[in-house]
């Protein structure tokens, strides 16, 4: 097996998918608890406990596709603000068309 084949069958704990998706780990935990996202569990699939939860590469890809629907407007704003690049505090930021487009996609305009 090569590295690519191993990555497909590898089990990822909650921290790794959160980092790959660039979201807080707590969001992923809430979505797993609400059973909104694909994931794997050990033991009884209908149990309420989250012990033994992991994600496959396919699960992570599917969650990535689901992100716009999963995020609340507040979460989307927080994610957008985390990725903004402000050159220096106190200096006015020039608003570009790309920034306005980004704001429009998350509902800030």
PDB file of N, CA and C in Angstrom:
ATOM      1  N   UNK A   1       0.844  -1.194   0.000  1.00  0.00           N
ATOM      2  CA  UNK A   1       0.000   0.000   0.000  1.00  0.00           C
ATOM      3  C   UNK A   1       0.876   1.240   0.000  1.00  0.00           C
ATOM      4  N   UNK A   2       0.450   2.240  -0.752  1.00  0.00           N
ATOM      5  CA  UNK A   2       1.198   3.497  -0.750  1.00  0.00           C
ATOM      6  C   UNK A   2       0.532   4.491   0.210  1.00  0.00           C
ATOM      7  N   UNK A   3       1.118   5.683   0.337  1.00  0.00           N
ATOM      8  CA  UNK A   3       0.623   6.690   1.281  1.00  0.00           C
ATOM      9  C   UNK A   3      -0.814   7.114   0.978  1.00  0.00           C
ATOM     10  N   UNK A   4      -1.138   7.257  -0.302  1.00  0.00           N
ATOM     11  CA  UNK A   4      -2.473   7.694  -0.700  1.00  0.00           C
ATOM     12  C   UNK A   4      -3.526   6.653  -0.318  1.00  0.00           C
ATOM     13  N   UNK A   5      -3.214   5.382  -0.517  1.00  0.00           N
ATOM     14  CA  UNK A   5      -4.150   4.323  -0.146  1.00  0.00           C
ATOM     15  C   UNK A   5      -4.329   4.244   1.364  1.00  0.00           C
ATOM     16  N   UNK A   6      -3.251   4.463   2.104  1.00  0.00           N
ATOM     17  CA  UNK A   6      -3.341   4.444   3.561  1.00  0.00           C
ATOM     18  C   UNK A   6      -4.157   5.615   4.085  1.00  0.00           C
ATOM     19  N   UNK A   7      -4.050   6.770   3.442  1.00  0.00           N
ATOM     20  CA  UNK A   7      -4.806   7.940   3.887  1.00  0.00           C
ATOM     21  C   UNK A   7      -6.305   7.705   3.770  1.00  0.00           C
ATOM     22  N   UNK A   8      -6.718   6.929   2.791  1.00  0.00           N
ATOM     23  CA  UNK A   8      -8.139   6.661   2.588  1.00  0.00           C
ATOM     24  C   UNK A   8      -8.708   5.827   3.730  1.00  0.00           C
ATOM     25  N   UNK A   9      -7.956   4.848   4.230  1.00  0.00           N
ATOM     26  CA  UNK A   9      -8.462   3.968   5.281  1.00  0.00           C
ATOM     27  C   UNK A   9      -8.087   4.437   6.682  1.00  0.00           C
ATOM     28  N   UNK A  10      -7.321   5.493   6.788  1.00  0.00           N
ATOM     29  CA  UNK A  10      -6.884   5.997   8.085  1.00  0.00           C
ATOM     30  C   UNK A  10      -8.059   6.541   8.900  1.00  0.00           C
ATOM     31  N   UNK A  11      -7.997   6.376  10.210  1.00  0.00           N
ATOM     32  CA  UNK A  11      -9.001   6.922  11.118  1.00  0.00           C
ATOM     33  C   UNK A  11      -8.486   8.229  11.700  1.00  0.00           C
ATOM     34  N   UNK A  12      -9.300   9.266  11.633  1.00  0.00           N
ATOM     35  CA  UNK A  12      -8.920  10.584  12.139  1.00  0.00           C
ATOM     36  C   UNK A  12      -9.740  10.906  13.373  1.00  0.00           C
ATOM     37  N   UNK A  13      -9.082  11.362  14.427  1.00  0.00           N
ATOM     38  CA  UNK A  13      -9.775  11.825  15.623  1.00  0.00           C
ATOM     39  C   UNK A  13     -10.317  13.224  15.340  1.00  0.00           C
ATOM     40  N   UNK A  14     -11.104  13.781  16.229  1.00  0.00           N
ATOM     41  CA  UNK A  14     -11.805  15.043  15.993  1.00  0.00           C
ATOM     42  C   UNK A  14     -10.870  16.220  15.712  1.00  0.00           C
ATOM     43  N   UNK A  15      -9.723  16.270  16.331  1.00  0.00           N
ATOM     44  CA  UNK A  15      -8.812  17.403  16.169  1.00  0.00           C
ATOM     45  C   UNK A  15      -8.321  17.539  14.735  1.00  0.00           C
ATOM     46  N   UNK A  16      -7.963  16.416  14.118  1.00  0.00           N
ATOM     47  CA  UNK A  16      -7.398  16.452  12.770  1.00  0.00           C
ATOM     48  C   UNK A  16      -8.387  16.943  11.713  1.00  0.00           C
ATOM     49  N   UNK A  17      -9.608  16.432  11.672  1.00  0.00           N
ATOM     50  CA  UNK A  17     -10.565  16.970  10.694  1.00  0.00           C
ATOM     51  C   UNK A  17     -10.875  18.449  10.931  1.00  0.00           C
ATOM     52  N   UNK A  18     -10.955  18.854  12.197  1.00  0.00           N
ATOM     53  CA  UNK A  18     -11.216  20.266  12.502  1.00  0.00           C
ATOM     54  C   UNK A  18     -10.103  21.140  11.938  1.00  0.00           C
ATOM     55  N   UNK A  19      -8.858  20.703  12.083  1.00  0.00           N
ATOM     56  CA  UNK A  19      -7.730  21.454  11.527  1.00  0.00           C
ATOM     57  C   UNK A  19      -7.785  21.484  10.007  1.00  0.00           C
ATOM     58  N   UNK A  20      -8.074  20.348   9.387  1.00  0.00           N
ATOM     59  CA  UNK A  20      -8.144  20.278   7.929  1.00  0.00           C
ATOM     60  C   UNK A  20      -9.264  21.152   7.378  1.00  0.00           C
ATOM     61  N   UNK A  21     -10.386  21.220   8.090  1.00  0.00           N
ATOM     62  CA  UNK A  21     -11.530  22.007   7.646  1.00  0.00           C
ATOM     63  C   UNK A  21     -11.449  23.458   8.111  1.00  0.00           C
ATOM     64  N   UNK A  22     -10.443  23.779   8.928  1.00  0.00           N
ATOM     65  CA  UNK A  22     -10.226  25.121   9.463  1.00  0.00           C
ATOM     66  C   UNK A  22     -11.447  25.614  10.247  1.00  0.00           C
ATOM     67  N   UNK A  23     -11.919  24.747  11.156  1.00  0.00           N
ATOM     68  CA  UNK A  23     -13.039  25.094  12.023  1.00  0.00           C
ATOM     69  C   UNK A  23     -12.658  24.715  13.452  1.00  0.00           C
ATOM     70  N   UNK A  24     -13.286  25.334  14.461  1.00  0.00           N
ATOM     71  CA  UNK A  24     -13.012  24.933  15.840  1.00  0.00           C
ATOM     72  C   UNK A  24     -13.482  23.500  16.096  1.00  0.00           C
ATOM     73  N   UNK A  25     -12.759  22.819  16.928  1.00  0.00           N
ATOM     74  CA  UNK A  25     -13.075  21.430  17.261  1.00  0.00           C
ATOM     75  C   UNK A  25     -14.459  21.310  17.908  1.00  0.00           C
ATOM     76  N   UNK A  26     -14.867  22.332  18.661  1.00  0.00           N
ATOM     77  CA  UNK A  26     -16.164  22.293  19.335  1.00  0.00           C
ATOM     78  C   UNK A  26     -17.322  22.251  18.345  1.00  0.00           C
ATOM     79  N   UNK A  27     -17.166  22.907  17.188  1.00  0.00           N
ATOM     80  CA  UNK A  27     -18.230  22.865  16.180  1.00  0.00           C
ATOM     81  C   UNK A  27     -18.425  21.441  15.711  1.00  0.00           C
ATOM     82  N   UNK A  28     -17.321  20.771  15.440  1.00  0.00           N
ATOM     83  CA  UNK A  28     -17.389  19.390  14.958  1.00  0.00           C
ATOM     84  C   UNK A  28     -18.008  18.491  16.022  1.00  0.00           C
ATOM     85  N   UNK A  29     -17.650  18.734  17.281  1.00  0.00           N
ATOM     86  CA  UNK A  29     -18.210  17.943  18.378  1.00  0.00           C
ATOM     87  C   UNK A  29     -19.729  18.114  18.450  1.00  0.00           C
ATOM     88  N   UNK A  30     -20.207  19.347  18.326  1.00  0.00           N
ATOM     89  CA  UNK A  30     -21.653  19.598  18.364  1.00  0.00           C
ATOM     90  C   UNK A  30     -22.364  18.913  17.206  1.00  0.00           C
ATOM     91  N   UNK A  31     -21.774  18.978  16.016  1.00  0.00           N
ATOM     92  CA  UNK A  31     -22.391  18.376  14.841  1.00  0.00           C
ATOM     93  C   UNK A  31     -22.440  16.852  14.958  1.00  0.00           C
ATOM     94  N   UNK A  32     -21.412  16.265  15.575  1.00  0.00           N
ATOM     95  CA  UNK A  32     -21.411  14.816  15.789  1.00  0.00           C
ATOM     96  C   UNK A  32     -22.503  14.454  16.798  1.00  0.00           C
ATOM     97  N   UNK A  33     -22.598  15.231  17.867  1.00  0.00           N
ATOM     98  CA  UNK A  33     -23.615  14.976  18.885  1.00  0.00           C
ATOM     99  C   UNK A  33     -25.013  15.050  18.278  1.00  0.00           C
ATOM    100  N   UNK A  34     -25.222  16.021  17.404  1.00  0.00           N
ATOM    101  CA  UNK A  34     -26.527  16.178  16.752  1.00  0.00           C
ATOM    102  C   UNK A  34     -26.693  15.229  15.565  1.00  0.00           C
ATOM    103  N   UNK A  35     -25.647  14.460  15.282  1.00  0.00           N
ATOM    104  CA  UNK A  35     -25.644  13.512  14.163  1.00  0.00           C
ATOM    105  C   UNK A  35     -25.929  14.198  12.821  1.00  0.00           C
ATOM    106  N   UNK A  36     -25.337  15.391  12.665  1.00  0.00           N
ATOM    107  CA  UNK A  36     -25.504  16.169  11.437  1.00  0.00           C
ATOM    108  C   UNK A  36     -24.429  15.857  10.404  1.00  0.00           C
ATOM    109  N   UNK A  37     -23.332  15.253  10.844  1.00  0.00           N
ATOM    110  CA  UNK A  37     -22.202  15.015   9.946  1.00  0.00           C
ATOM    111  C   UNK A  37     -21.860  13.530   9.916  1.00  0.00           C
ATOM    112  N   UNK A  38     -21.308  13.061   8.797  1.00  0.00           N
ATOM    113  CA  UNK A  38     -20.893  11.657   8.744  1.00  0.00           C
ATOM    114  C   UNK A  38     -19.706  11.405   9.664  1.00  0.00           C
ATOM    115  N   UNK A  39     -19.757  10.318  10.383  1.00  0.00           N
ATOM    116  CA  UNK A  39     -18.677   9.923  11.284  1.00  0.00           C
ATOM    117  C   UNK A  39     -18.830   8.440  11.580  1.00  0.00           C
ATOM    118  N   UNK A  40     -17.854   7.882  12.245  1.00  0.00           N
ATOM    119  CA  UNK A  40     -17.857   6.467  12.616  1.00  0.00           C
ATOM    120  C   UNK A  40     -17.869   6.370  14.136  1.00  0.00           C
ATOM    121  N   UNK A  41     -18.508   5.332  14.655  1.00  0.00           N
ATOM    122  CA  UNK A  41     -18.569   5.099  16.109  1.00  0.00           C
ATOM    123  C   UNK A  41     -18.257   3.649  16.412  1.00  0.00           C
ATOM    124  N   UNK A  42     -17.653   3.443  17.567  1.00  0.00           N
ATOM    125  CA  UNK A  42     -17.477   2.069  18.024  1.00  0.00           C
ATOM    126  C   UNK A  42     -18.666   1.712  18.901  1.00  0.00           C
ATOM    127  N   UNK A  43     -18.997   0.453  18.940  1.00  0.00           N
ATOM    128  CA  UNK A  43     -20.107   0.010  19.770  1.00  0.00           C
ATOM    129  C   UNK A  43     -21.456   0.251  19.133  1.00  0.00           C
ATOM    130  N   UNK A  44     -22.466   0.480  19.969  1.00  0.00           N
ATOM    131  CA  UNK A  44     -23.844   0.660  19.529  1.00  0.00           C
ATOM    132  C   UNK A  44     -23.976   1.948  18.710  1.00  0.00           C
ATOM    133  N   UNK A  45     -24.431   1.867  17.457  1.00  0.00           N
ATOM    134  CA  UNK A  45     -24.538   3.067  16.626  1.00  0.00           C
ATOM    135  C   UNK A  45     -25.601   4.050  17.107  1.00  0.00           C
ATOM    136  N   UNK A  46     -26.503   3.608  17.980  1.00  0.00           N
ATOM    137  CA  UNK A  46     -27.558   4.485  18.477  1.00  0.00           C
ATOM    138  C   UNK A  46     -27.274   5.006  19.885  1.00  0.00           C
ATOM    139  N   UNK A  47     -26.096   4.728  20.404  1.00  0.00           N
ATOM    140  CA  UNK A  47     -25.740   5.172  21.751  1.00  0.00           C
ATOM    141  C   UNK A  47     -25.530   6.683  21.765  1.00  0.00           C
ATOM    142  N   UNK A  48     -25.733   7.294  22.935  1.00  0.00           N
ATOM    143  CA  UNK A  48     -25.576   8.744  23.057  1.00  0.00           C
ATOM    144  C   UNK A  48     -24.130   9.146  23.329  1.00  0.00           C
ATOM    145  N   UNK A  49     -23.316   8.232  23.805  1.00  0.00           N
ATOM    146  CA  UNK A  49     -21.933   8.572  24.142  1.00  0.00           C
ATOM    147  C   UNK A  49     -21.123   8.831  22.884  1.00  0.00           C
ATOM    148  N   UNK A  50     -20.125   9.722  23.016  1.00  0.00           N
ATOM    149  CA  UNK A  50     -19.268  10.044  21.892  1.00  0.00           C
ATOM    150  C   UNK A  50     -17.924   9.342  21.957  1.00  0.00           C
ATOM    151  N   UNK A  51     -17.735   8.480  22.912  1.00  0.00           N
ATOM    152  CA  UNK A  51     -16.472   7.747  22.966  1.00  0.00           C
ATOM    153  C   UNK A  51     -16.346   6.876  21.734  1.00  0.00           C
ATOM    154  N   UNK A  52     -15.164   6.812  21.216  1.00  0.00           N
ATOM    155  CA  UNK A  52     -14.937   5.969  20.069  1.00  0.00           C
ATOM    156  C   UNK A  52     -15.391   6.575  18.757  1.00  0.00           C
ATOM    157  N   UNK A  53     -15.473   7.903  18.689  1.00  0.00           N
ATOM    158  CA  UNK A  53     -15.862   8.571  17.445  1.00  0.00           C
ATOM    159  C   UNK A  53     -14.612   8.874  16.640  1.00  0.00           C
ATOM    160  N   UNK A  54     -14.670   8.570  15.336  1.00  0.00           N
ATOM    161  CA  UNK A  54     -13.567   8.913  14.445  1.00  0.00           C
ATOM    162  C   UNK A  54     -14.131   9.213  13.069  1.00  0.00           C
ATOM    163  N   UNK A  55     -13.262   9.711  12.202  1.00  0.00           N
ATOM    164  CA  UNK A  55     -13.668  10.111  10.858  1.00  0.00           C
ATOM    165  C   UNK A  55     -12.768   9.457   9.829  1.00  0.00           C
ATOM    166  N   UNK A  56     -13.342   9.100   8.696  1.00  0.00           N
ATOM    167  CA  UNK A  56     -12.550   8.596   7.575  1.00  0.00           C
ATOM    168  C   UNK A  56     -12.275   9.773   6.642  1.00  0.00           C
ATOM    169  N   UNK A  57     -11.411   9.563   5.662  1.00  0.00           N
ATOM    170  CA  UNK A  57     -11.126  10.611   4.675  1.00  0.00           C
ATOM    171  C   UNK A  57     -12.405  10.983   3.925  1.00  0.00           C
ATOM    172  N   UNK A  58     -13.238  10.002   3.614  1.00  0.00           N
ATOM    173  CA  UNK A  58     -14.504  10.274   2.923  1.00  0.00           C
ATOM    174  C   UNK A  58     -15.440  11.110   3.803  1.00  0.00           C
ATOM    175  N   UNK A  59     -15.452  10.833   5.112  1.00  0.00           N
ATOM    176  CA  UNK A  59     -16.271  11.624   6.035  1.00  0.00           C
ATOM    177  C   UNK A  59     -15.830  13.084   6.021  1.00  0.00           C
ATOM    178  N   UNK A  60     -14.522  13.312   6.066  1.00  0.00           N
ATOM    179  CA  UNK A  60     -13.984  14.673   6.096  1.00  0.00           C
ATOM    180  C   UNK A  60     -14.338  15.412   4.808  1.00  0.00           C
ATOM    181  N   UNK A  61     -14.223  14.750   3.670  1.00  0.00           N
ATOM    182  CA  UNK A  61     -14.573  15.372   2.393  1.00  0.00           C
ATOM    183  C   UNK A  61     -16.058  15.738   2.356  1.00  0.00           C
ATOM    184  N   UNK A  62     -16.897  14.852   2.846  1.00  0.00           N
ATOM    185  CA  UNK A  62     -18.337  15.117   2.854  1.00  0.00           C
ATOM    186  C   UNK A  62     -18.679  16.267   3.794  1.00  0.00           C
ATOM    187  N   UNK A  63     -18.041  16.327   4.960  1.00  0.00           N
ATOM    188  CA  UNK A  63     -18.264  17.434   5.900  1.00  0.00           C
ATOM    189  C   UNK A  63     -17.842  18.745   5.246  1.00  0.00           C
ATOM    190  N   UNK A  64     -16.726  18.726   4.527  1.00  0.00           N
ATOM    191  CA  UNK A  64     -16.269  19.925   3.816  1.00  0.00           C
ATOM    192  C   UNK A  64     -17.309  20.416   2.823  1.00  0.00           C
ATOM    193  N   UNK A  65     -17.948  19.495   2.122  1.00  0.00           N
ATOM    194  CA  UNK A  65     -19.005  19.881   1.179  1.00  0.00           C
ATOM    195  C   UNK A  65     -20.243  20.410   1.912  1.00  0.00           C
ATOM    196  N   UNK A  66     -20.473  19.926   3.134  1.00  0.00           N
ATOM    197  CA  UNK A  66     -21.656  20.309   3.902  1.00  0.00           C
ATOM    198  C   UNK A  66     -21.476  21.601   4.703  1.00  0.00           C
ATOM    199  N   UNK A  67     -20.253  22.092   4.829  1.00  0.00           N
ATOM    200  CA  UNK A  67     -19.978  23.232   5.706  1.00  0.00           C
ATOM    201  C   UNK A  67     -20.915  24.426   5.519  1.00  0.00           C
ATOM    202  N   UNK A  68     -21.173  24.892   4.297  1.00  0.00           N
ATOM    203  CA  UNK A  68     -22.058  26.064   4.176  1.00  0.00           C
ATOM    204  C   UNK A  68     -23.442  25.838   4.798  1.00  0.00           C
ATOM    205  N   UNK A  69     -23.978  24.636   4.692  1.00  0.00           N
ATOM    206  CA  UNK A  69     -25.295  24.356   5.261  1.00  0.00           C
ATOM    207  C   UNK A  69     -25.229  24.142   6.769  1.00  0.00           C
ATOM    208  N   UNK A  70     -24.093  23.650   7.259  1.00  0.00           N
ATOM    209  CA  UNK A  70     -23.961  23.344   8.678  1.00  0.00           C
ATOM    210  C   UNK A  70     -23.755  24.591   9.534  1.00  0.00           C
ATOM    211  N   UNK A  71     -23.029  25.561   8.995  1.00  0.00           N
ATOM    212  CA  UNK A  71     -22.674  26.743   9.778  1.00  0.00           C
ATOM    213  C   UNK A  71     -23.874  27.653   9.982  1.00  0.00           C
ATOM    214  N   UNK A  72     -24.017  28.128  11.217  1.00  0.00           N
ATOM    215  CA  UNK A  72     -24.997  29.172  11.479  1.00  0.00           C
ATOM    216  C   UNK A  72     -24.419  30.471  10.935  1.00  0.00           C
ATOM    217  N   UNK A  73     -25.211  31.501  10.832  1.00  0.00           N
ATOM    218  CA  UNK A  73     -24.692  32.772  10.316  1.00  0.00           C
ATOM    219  C   UNK A  73     -23.598  33.309  11.231  1.00  0.00           C
ATOM    220  N   UNK A  74     -23.738  33.083  12.522  1.00  0.00           N
ATOM    221  CA  UNK A  74     -22.718  33.538  13.472  1.00  0.00           C
ATOM    222  C   UNK A  74     -21.402  32.788  13.267  1.00  0.00           C
ATOM    223  N   UNK A  75     -21.479  31.471  13.038  1.00  0.00           N
ATOM    224  CA  UNK A  75     -20.279  30.681  12.791  1.00  0.00           C
ATOM    225  C   UNK A  75     -19.619  31.100  11.481  1.00  0.00           C
ATOM    226  N   UNK A  76     -20.416  31.374  10.455  1.00  0.00           N
ATOM    227  CA  UNK A  76     -19.865  31.800   9.176  1.00  0.00           C
ATOM    228  C   UNK A  76     -19.142  33.129   9.316  1.00  0.00           C
ATOM    229  N   UNK A  77     -19.718  34.045  10.085  1.00  0.00           N
ATOM    230  CA  UNK A  77     -19.060  35.341  10.315  1.00  0.00           C
ATOM    231  C   UNK A  77     -17.757  35.157  11.074  1.00  0.00           C
ATOM    232  N   UNK A  78     -17.768  34.296  12.086  1.00  0.00           N
ATOM    233  CA  UNK A  78     -16.554  34.045  12.871  1.00  0.00           C
ATOM    234  C   UNK A  78     -15.467  33.428  11.998  1.00  0.00           C
ATOM    235  N   UNK A  79     -15.847  32.497  11.128  1.00  0.00           N
ATOM    236  CA  UNK A  79     -14.868  31.872  10.237  1.00  0.00           C
ATOM    237  C   UNK A  79     -14.306  32.878   9.252  1.00  0.00           C
ATOM    238  N   UNK A  80     -15.156  33.762   8.739  1.00  0.00           N
ATOM    239  CA  UNK A  80     -14.686  34.769   7.788  1.00  0.00           C
ATOM    240  C   UNK A  80     -13.764  35.771   8.470  1.00  0.00           C
ATOM    241  N   UNK A  81     -14.100  36.174   9.690  1.00  0.00           N
ATOM    242  CA  UNK A  81     -13.266  37.136  10.418  1.00  0.00           C
ATOM    243  C   UNK A  81     -11.909  36.537  10.770  1.00  0.00           C
ATOM    244  N   UNK A  82     -11.876  35.246  11.020  1.00  0.00           N
ATOM    245  CA  UNK A  82     -10.616  34.591  11.370  1.00  0.00           C
ATOM    246  C   UNK A  82      -9.652  34.574  10.192  1.00  0.00           C
ATOM    247  N   UNK A  83     -10.187  34.611   8.976  1.00  0.00           N
ATOM    248  CA  UNK A  83      -9.321  34.548   7.797  1.00  0.00           C
ATOM    249  C   UNK A  83      -9.014  35.919   7.213  1.00  0.00           C
ATOM    250  N   UNK A  84      -9.624  36.989   7.750  1.00  0.00           N
ATOM    251  CA  UNK A  84      -9.330  38.324   7.236  1.00  0.00           C
ATOM    252  C   UNK A  84      -7.904  38.716   7.570  1.00  0.00           C
ATOM    253  N   UNK A  85      -7.287  39.428   6.666  1.00  0.00           N
ATOM    254  CA  UNK A  85      -5.920  39.888   6.842  1.00  0.00           C
ATOM    255  C   UNK A  85      -5.922  41.395   7.029  1.00  0.00           C
ATOM    256  N   UNK A  86      -5.811  41.868   8.254  1.00  0.00           N
ATOM    257  CA  UNK A  86      -5.790  43.305   8.505  1.00  0.00           C
ATOM    258  C   UNK A  86      -4.327  43.721   8.632  1.00  0.00           C
ATOM    259  N   UNK A  87      -3.841  44.615   7.737  1.00  0.00           N
ATOM    260  CA  UNK A  87      -2.423  44.972   7.721  1.00  0.00           C
ATOM    261  C   UNK A  87      -1.928  45.551   9.042  1.00  0.00           C
ATOM    262  N   UNK A  88      -2.639  46.512   9.603  1.00  0.00           N
ATOM    263  CA  UNK A  88      -2.221  47.058  10.892  1.00  0.00           C
ATOM    264  C   UNK A  88      -3.423  47.676  11.567  1.00  0.00           C
ATOM    265  N   UNK A  89      -3.466  47.564  12.867  1.00  0.00           N
ATOM    266  CA  UNK A  89      -4.582  48.134  13.610  1.00  0.00           C
ATOM    267  C   UNK A  89      -4.499  49.651  13.562  1.00  0.00           C
ATOM    268  N   UNK A  90      -5.601  50.304  13.455  1.00  0.00           N
ATOM    269  CA  UNK A  90      -5.637  51.756  13.420  1.00  0.00           C
ATOM    270  C   UNK A  90      -5.619  52.319  12.013  1.00  0.00           C
ATOM    271  N   UNK A  91      -5.036  51.617  11.075  1.00  0.00           N
ATOM    272  CA  UNK A  91      -5.007  52.090   9.697  1.00  0.00           C
ATOM    273  C   UNK A  91      -6.280  51.634   9.000  1.00  0.00           C
ATOM    274  N   UNK A  92      -6.922  52.536   8.256  1.00  0.00           N
ATOM    275  CA  UNK A  92      -8.140  52.107   7.561  1.00  0.00           C
ATOM    276  C   UNK A  92      -7.829  51.077   6.491  1.00  0.00           C
ATOM    277  N   UNK A  93      -8.693  50.093   6.407  1.00  0.00           N
ATOM    278  CA  UNK A  93      -8.494  49.027   5.431  1.00  0.00           C
ATOM    279  C   UNK A  93      -9.194  49.404   4.135  1.00  0.00           C
ATOM    280  N   UNK A  94      -8.514  49.217   3.028  1.00  0.00           N
ATOM    281  CA  UNK A  94      -9.126  49.442   1.742  1.00  0.00           C
ATOM    282  C   UNK A  94     -10.055  48.277   1.445  1.00  0.00           C
ATOM    283  N   UNK A  95     -11.264  48.592   1.058  1.00  0.00           N
ATOM    284  CA  UNK A  95     -12.247  47.540   0.792  1.00  0.00           C
ATOM    285  C   UNK A  95     -12.176  47.179  -0.687  1.00  0.00           C
ATOM    286  N   UNK A  96     -11.829  45.938  -0.929  1.00  0.00           N
ATOM    287  CA  UNK A  96     -11.709  45.448  -2.297  1.00  0.00           C
ATOM    288  C   UNK A  96     -13.011  44.771  -2.712  1.00  0.00           C
ATOM    289  N   UNK A  97     -13.158  44.545  -4.006  1.00  0.00           N
ATOM    290  CA  UNK A  97     -14.351  43.842  -4.493  1.00  0.00           C
ATOM    291  C   UNK A  97     -14.365  42.403  -3.994  1.00  0.00           C
ATOM    292  N   UNK A  98     -13.175  41.805  -3.827  1.00  0.00           N
ATOM    293  CA  UNK A  98     -13.107  40.448  -3.304  1.00  0.00           C
ATOM    294  C   UNK A  98     -13.642  40.383  -1.873  1.00  0.00           C
ATOM    295  N   UNK A  99     -13.301  41.410  -1.073  1.00  0.00           N
ATOM    296  CA  UNK A  99     -13.760  41.456   0.311  1.00  0.00           C
ATOM    297  C   UNK A  99     -15.281  41.642   0.362  1.00  0.00           C
ATOM    298  N   UNK A 100     -15.802  42.508  -0.482  1.00  0.00           N
ATOM    299  CA  UNK A 100     -17.250  42.718  -0.523  1.00  0.00           C
ATOM    300  C   UNK A 100     -17.953  41.431  -0.965  1.00  0.00           C
ATOM    301  N   UNK A 101     -17.387  40.731  -1.958  1.00  0.00           N
ATOM    302  CA  UNK A 101     -17.956  39.461  -2.393  1.00  0.00           C
ATOM    303  C   UNK A 101     -17.958  38.442  -1.261  1.00  0.00           C
ATOM    304  N   UNK A 102     -16.860  38.406  -0.495  1.00  0.00           N
ATOM    305  CA  UNK A 102     -16.765  37.474   0.632  1.00  0.00           C
ATOM    306  C   UNK A 102     -17.827  37.806   1.670  1.00  0.00           C
ATOM    307  N   UNK A 103     -18.001  39.102   1.950  1.00  0.00           N
ATOM    308  CA  UNK A 103     -19.026  39.514   2.901  1.00  0.00           C
ATOM    309  C   UNK A 103     -20.410  39.121   2.421  1.00  0.00           C
ATOM    310  N   UNK A 104     -20.644  39.276   1.133  1.00  0.00           N
ATOM    311  CA  UNK A 104     -21.955  38.950   0.561  1.00  0.00           C
ATOM    312  C   UNK A 104     -22.268  37.459   0.701  1.00  0.00           C
ATOM    313  N   UNK A 105     -21.235  36.621   0.547  1.00  0.00           N
ATOM    314  CA  UNK A 105     -21.477  35.185   0.633  1.00  0.00           C
ATOM    315  C   UNK A 105     -21.821  34.739   2.046  1.00  0.00           C
ATOM    316  N   UNK A 106     -21.390  35.499   3.050  1.00  0.00           N
ATOM    317  CA  UNK A 106     -21.712  35.104   4.432  1.00  0.00           C
ATOM    318  C   UNK A 106     -22.816  35.982   5.018  1.00  0.00           C
ATOM    319  N   UNK A 107     -23.379  36.878   4.203  1.00  0.00           N
ATOM    320  CA  UNK A 107     -24.524  37.650   4.653  1.00  0.00           C
ATOM    321  C   UNK A 107     -24.209  38.906   5.409  1.00  0.00           C
ATOM    322  N   UNK A 108     -23.013  39.471   5.250  1.00  0.00           N
ATOM    323  CA  UNK A 108     -22.653  40.694   5.967  1.00  0.00           C
ATOM    324  C   UNK A 108     -23.079  41.958   5.240  1.00  0.00           C
ATOM    325  N   UNK A 109     -23.470  41.860   3.990  1.00  0.00           N
ATOM    326  CA  UNK A 109     -23.866  43.075   3.253  1.00  0.00           C
ATOM    327  C   UNK A 109     -25.360  43.250   3.255  1.00  0.00           C
TER     328      UNK A 109
END
